[in-house]
Amino acid sequence: MQCIKDSIKNINIVIGCDIGCTYCYARMNNARFHTTDDFNIPIFFENKLKMLDNKKHTAYLLTGQSDLSGWKQEWLDKVYEKMKENQDTQYIFLTKRPDKIKLTDTPDNGWFGVTVTSSKEKGKIDILRKNIKAKHYHITFEPLFDDVGKLDLTDISWVVIGTETGNRKNKAVSKKEWIYNIYNQAKEKNIPVFMKEDLLGILNEDEMIQEFPKEFGE
């Protein structure tokens, strides 16, 4: 998940993920810049904790180069301490594997999300709500491989929609009708929707919707 707003900043406090998605931009970036020796092994950069005190931004994405399912509990506990010290700042987490996570006590300024890429994966939304007890849930639909169909958006606070970037052979390209199926269902429940810039070309500029939860500020 890329940073999508000036006031939302990426802090890659953990780098690495063993899922191995063929479309993973984070893995490609690591191969290019050699941030870590082995991207399959998540590494916690404890020295970055102090960055969570920065009041310049209203929200921080903490899993831009990792998946929450690969975080150790001790890492999460240290991040939670900082979150509780900065109640007016929002902290965003994302996972593709909510079935690997069990969290029962999360700070109210934590936003816990799941990536859904196809109709076969939408059951992950139920698993997210079951396995992570949180005040805020969000879903990222990126990339999309088909029409996800009918969704249960109960208790979802934010929806993000994107498509695959880069030049990978046979890369997934979202279709306009798939995008608007998600958007229309979210609007029925008054859930803010953010369409990523990479959807330009699939959507016209005047069709782009870029909304944020009120907690993120403006």
Protein backbone atom coordinates (compact mmCIF):
# COMPACT_ATOMS: atom_id res chain seq x y z
CA MET A 1 0.00 0.00 0.00
CA GLN A 2 1.54 3.26 -1.09
CA CYS A 3 1.32 6.56 0.72
CA ILE A 4 -1.69 8.38 -0.76
CA LYS A 5 -1.90 11.75 0.92
CA ASP A 6 0.52 14.43 2.00
CA SER A 7 -0.66 14.18 5.60
CA ILE A 8 -0.34 10.37 5.53
CA LYS A 9 3.32 9.49 5.80
CA ASN A 10 5.00 6.14 5.30
CA ILE A 11 7.18 5.03 8.18
CA ASN A 12 8.59 1.62 7.33
CA ILE A 13 9.34 0.61 10.88
CA VAL A 14 9.29 -3.03 9.77
CA ILE A 15 10.72 -4.06 6.40
CA GLY A 16 10.24 -7.52 4.97
CA CYS A 17 7.48 -9.97 4.12
CA ASP A 18 7.48 -13.69 3.32
CA ILE A 19 4.16 -13.83 1.42
CA GLY A 20 5.80 -13.47 -2.00
CA CYS A 21 3.07 -11.78 -4.08
CA THR A 22 4.15 -11.60 -7.73
CA TYR A 23 2.96 -7.98 -7.93
CA CYS A 24 4.68 -6.75 -4.73
CA TYR A 25 6.20 -3.31 -5.31
CA ALA A 26 7.87 -3.42 -1.87
CA ARG A 27 9.87 -6.53 -2.76
CA MET A 28 10.91 -4.95 -6.07
CA ASN A 29 12.01 -1.77 -4.27
CA ASN A 30 14.06 -3.79 -1.81
CA ALA A 31 15.76 -5.65 -4.64
CA ARG A 32 16.60 -2.31 -6.25
CA PHE A 33 17.80 -0.42 -3.19
CA HIS A 34 19.03 -3.38 -1.05
CA THR A 35 17.38 -2.07 2.13
CA THR A 36 17.64 -5.51 3.71
CA ASP A 37 19.64 -8.61 2.78
CA ASP A 38 16.63 -10.92 2.66
CA PHE A 39 13.18 -9.40 2.17
CA ASN A 40 11.59 -12.71 3.27
CA ILE A 41 12.75 -12.02 6.83
CA PRO A 42 10.99 -9.00 8.44
CA ILE A 43 13.30 -6.66 10.36
CA PHE A 44 12.21 -4.19 13.05
CA PHE A 45 13.92 -0.78 12.92
CA GLU A 46 13.51 0.30 16.53
CA ASN A 47 15.36 3.57 15.91
CA LYS A 48 12.37 4.74 13.86
CA LEU A 49 10.04 4.70 16.88
CA LYS A 50 10.88 8.32 17.63
CA MET A 51 9.49 9.27 14.22
CA LEU A 52 6.01 8.36 15.47
CA ASP A 53 6.10 11.46 17.70
CA ASN A 54 6.18 13.81 14.69
CA LYS A 55 3.04 15.98 14.80
CA LYS A 56 3.54 17.22 11.22
CA HIS A 57 1.37 14.42 9.88
CA THR A 58 -2.07 13.33 11.05
CA ALA A 59 -1.65 9.68 10.03
CA TYR A 60 1.14 7.19 9.50
CA LEU A 61 1.12 4.06 7.36
CA LEU A 62 3.32 1.54 9.15
CA THR A 63 3.11 -1.45 6.80
CA GLY A 64 4.15 0.02 3.45
CA GLN A 65 7.10 -2.40 3.31
CA SER A 66 5.71 -5.24 5.43
CA ASP A 67 2.60 -7.21 6.33
CA LEU A 68 1.19 -7.00 9.85
CA SER A 69 1.05 -10.80 10.00
CA GLY A 70 4.86 -10.85 9.98
CA TRP A 71 5.26 -8.51 12.96
CA LYS A 72 6.38 -9.93 16.27
CA GLN A 73 4.21 -9.05 19.25
CA GLU A 74 7.11 -7.30 20.97
CA TRP A 75 7.45 -4.95 17.99
CA LEU A 76 3.75 -4.20 18.03
CA ASP A 77 3.83 -3.55 21.78
CA LYS A 78 6.53 -0.92 21.33
CA VAL A 79 4.54 0.75 18.57
CA TYR A 80 1.41 0.66 20.74
CA GLU A 81 3.27 2.58 23.46
CA LYS A 82 3.99 5.37 20.98
CA MET A 83 0.42 5.31 19.68
CA LYS A 84 -0.94 5.80 23.19
CA GLU A 85 1.38 8.77 23.68
CA ASN A 86 0.04 10.38 20.47
CA GLN A 87 -3.72 9.97 20.69
CA ASP A 88 -4.49 12.60 18.02
CA THR A 89 -2.40 10.82 15.39
CA GLN A 90 -3.78 7.85 13.44
CA TYR A 91 -1.69 4.74 12.68
CA ILE A 92 -2.53 2.50 9.74
CA PHE A 93 -1.78 -1.23 9.49
CA LEU A 94 -2.52 -3.60 6.60
CA THR A 95 -2.40 -7.36 6.14
CA LYS A 96 -3.12 -9.94 3.48
CA ARG A 97 -3.29 -12.70 6.11
CA PRO A 98 -5.74 -11.80 8.89
CA ASP A 99 -6.03 -15.51 9.64
CA LYS A 100 -2.48 -15.37 11.04
CA ILE A 101 -3.24 -12.57 13.50
CA LYS A 102 -4.97 -12.47 16.90
CA LEU A 103 -5.24 -9.02 18.50
CA THR A 104 -7.67 -8.37 21.33
CA ASP A 105 -6.52 -5.04 22.76
CA THR A 106 -5.67 -2.34 20.23
CA PRO A 107 -5.35 1.45 20.67
CA ASP A 108 -8.33 3.48 19.44
CA ASN A 109 -6.12 5.42 17.03
CA GLY A 110 -5.12 2.23 15.21
CA TRP A 111 -6.58 1.47 11.78
CA PHE A 112 -6.42 -2.22 10.93
CA GLY A 113 -7.04 -3.26 7.35
CA VAL A 114 -7.05 -6.16 4.96
CA THR A 115 -6.13 -6.42 1.28
CA VAL A 116 -8.75 -8.04 -0.95
CA THR A 117 -7.89 -8.71 -4.60
CA SER A 118 -10.72 -10.95 -5.81
CA SER A 119 -14.16 -12.36 -5.07
CA LYS A 120 -12.46 -15.44 -3.58
CA GLU A 121 -10.72 -13.30 -0.98
CA LYS A 122 -13.61 -11.23 0.36
CA GLY A 123 -14.03 -13.69 3.24
CA LYS A 124 -10.87 -12.11 4.64
CA ILE A 125 -13.03 -9.15 5.71
CA ASP A 126 -14.93 -11.37 8.15
CA ILE A 127 -11.66 -12.85 9.40
CA LEU A 128 -10.25 -9.36 9.99
CA ARG A 129 -13.22 -8.38 12.17
CA LYS A 130 -13.10 -11.69 14.03
CA ASN A 131 -9.36 -11.85 14.69
CA ILE A 132 -8.58 -8.19 15.35
CA LYS A 133 -10.64 -6.23 17.85
CA ALA A 134 -10.32 -2.60 16.83
CA LYS A 135 -12.22 0.67 16.67
CA HIS A 136 -11.37 1.23 13.01
CA TYR A 137 -11.26 -1.24 10.12
CA HIS A 138 -10.39 -0.53 6.50
CA ILE A 139 -10.11 -2.47 3.25
CA THR A 140 -7.71 -2.01 0.34
CA PHE A 141 -8.86 -3.47 -2.97
CA GLU A 142 -5.59 -3.59 -4.90
CA PRO A 143 -4.97 -5.03 -7.39
CA LEU A 144 -8.33 -6.35 -8.55
CA PHE A 145 -8.41 -9.62 -10.49
CA ASP A 146 -12.20 -9.79 -10.85
CA ASP A 147 -15.48 -8.28 -9.65
CA VAL A 148 -15.65 -8.87 -5.89
CA GLY A 149 -19.46 -8.96 -5.94
CA LYS A 150 -21.55 -8.23 -2.85
CA LEU A 151 -19.59 -7.12 0.21
CA ASP A 152 -20.30 -7.08 3.93
CA LEU A 153 -18.95 -3.66 4.94
CA THR A 154 -20.23 -3.71 8.50
CA ASP A 155 -17.95 -1.66 10.79
CA ILE A 156 -15.65 -0.66 7.92
CA SER A 157 -14.39 2.93 8.30
CA TRP A 158 -12.50 3.43 5.04
CA VAL A 159 -12.15 1.83 1.60
CA VAL A 160 -9.14 2.25 -0.73
CA ILE A 161 -9.21 1.12 -4.37
CA GLY A 162 -6.23 0.82 -6.70
CA THR A 163 -4.73 -1.25 -9.47
CA GLU A 164 -1.40 -2.89 -10.16
CA THR A 165 1.43 -0.59 -11.19
CA GLY A 166 4.65 -1.38 -13.03
CA ASN A 167 5.27 -3.40 -16.18
CA ARG A 168 4.93 -6.97 -14.95
CA LYS A 169 3.87 -9.40 -17.66
CA ASN A 170 0.16 -10.27 -17.33
CA LYS A 171 -0.33 -7.59 -14.67
CA ALA A 172 -3.82 -7.14 -13.28
CA VAL A 173 -5.83 -4.21 -14.64
CA SER A 174 -8.92 -3.15 -12.71
CA LYS A 175 -12.10 -2.60 -14.70
CA LYS A 176 -14.28 0.46 -14.23
CA GLU A 177 -17.37 -1.58 -13.37
CA TRP A 178 -15.45 -3.47 -10.65
CA ILE A 179 -14.32 -0.19 -9.14
CA TYR A 180 -17.77 1.31 -9.10
CA ASN A 181 -19.34 -1.84 -7.68
CA ILE A 182 -17.15 -1.35 -4.60
CA TYR A 183 -17.67 2.41 -4.53
CA ASN A 184 -21.46 2.18 -4.72
CA GLN A 185 -21.65 -0.33 -1.88
CA ALA A 186 -19.43 1.86 0.28
CA LYS A 187 -21.54 4.93 -0.47
CA GLU A 188 -24.67 3.08 0.66
CA LYS A 189 -23.05 2.89 4.09
CA ASN A 190 -21.49 6.40 3.99
CA ILE A 191 -17.98 4.98 4.04
CA PRO A 192 -15.29 7.31 2.63
CA VAL A 193 -13.58 5.95 -0.48
CA PHE A 194 -10.12 6.79 -1.81
CA MET A 195 -9.35 5.92 -5.44
CA LYS A 196 -5.59 5.84 -6.01
CA GLU A 197 -3.91 7.91 -8.68
CA ASP A 198 -2.93 4.75 -10.56
CA LEU A 199 -6.60 4.38 -11.57
CA LEU A 200 -6.24 7.36 -13.92
CA GLY A 201 -6.50 5.94 -17.41
CA ILE A 202 -9.10 3.45 -16.22
CA LEU A 203 -11.14 6.34 -14.82
CA ASN A 204 -11.27 9.90 -16.09
CA GLU A 205 -9.97 12.58 -13.76
CA ASP A 206 -13.49 13.85 -13.04
CA GLU A 207 -14.52 10.34 -11.98
CA MET A 208 -11.86 10.00 -9.32
CA ILE A 209 -13.13 9.99 -5.73
CA GLN A 210 -10.55 10.70 -3.02
CA GLU A 211 -12.12 10.79 0.43
CA PHE A 212 -10.59 10.34 3.86
CA PRO A 213 -11.93 9.53 7.31
CA LYS A 214 -12.55 12.66 9.34
CA GLU A 215 -10.00 11.43 11.90
CA PHE A 216 -7.24 11.98 9.32
CA GLY A 217 -7.94 15.72 9.21
CA GLU A 218 -7.28 18.03 6.29
